[in-house]
């Protein structure tokens, strides 16, 4: 075995160790950010509790096919956590690392910058999923909202929604040279995404023409897919397809325009 081969083998064998070390370090830093933890993991559930406390939201609505408004807001709060993680929490961290030259300096070490980016997407995705479980649990225990009847379809739609949210956040990070710019772009995209997710008006309650347009957006499609799975139906393949197309397109654009420094 040549020296080159031995070095390559050693590098491959030890590659997971630096990556794991980065993940551990980023986890510690992430847990020290109470603001990010609140907005991703606590605020969506708190919003659900506030809305569920409105008496009319706990009454069946004929305009909604006999279901309650609070039933529709469980998937909405699930999506809100994804939007918070993808647009408000992750981009400032990544652009901050680039702005301070951390990514450039890491490129000269055995730890590649991609390991740091992977750790960030993993942490924010995990936080969003924990928030989703929390919203489902509170909805069930406090407001008697039924758990998803089509669990496999719900999990599939949720995972696709997480990937779409992180891909959108990655694109914002790629287009932003500084944290100020990332905050500005994130805020500009944040409110339209909240609308399409149904924060102000559930997608199921929107006029048909508006709902058809909203369903072409990632979070509008996710809201419909999660709602269908919660009701016991398999999510529409059209909605899942919209999520997949957005994920691939946003990821490709982020990869195309991302710069380490």
Foldseek 3Di string as FASTA:
>chain_A
DDPVVVVVVVLVVCLVVLLVVLLVVVVVVVVVPVVLLCQQAPVLLVVLVVVLVPVQQLFQDVLLVRHGNSLLSLQLSLLSSLLCLQQPNQLQVLLACLLVCVQVVCCVDSRHSVSNVVSSLVVSLVSSVNSSVVSQVCCCPPSVRAAFQQVVLLVLLSVLSNLLSNLLSLLLNLVDNHSVSSNVVSVVVSVVLSVLLQVPHRLSNDPPVVSVVSLLDLNNLSSQSNVQRSVPHRGDVVSSVSSVVSSVVSNVNSVVRHDSD
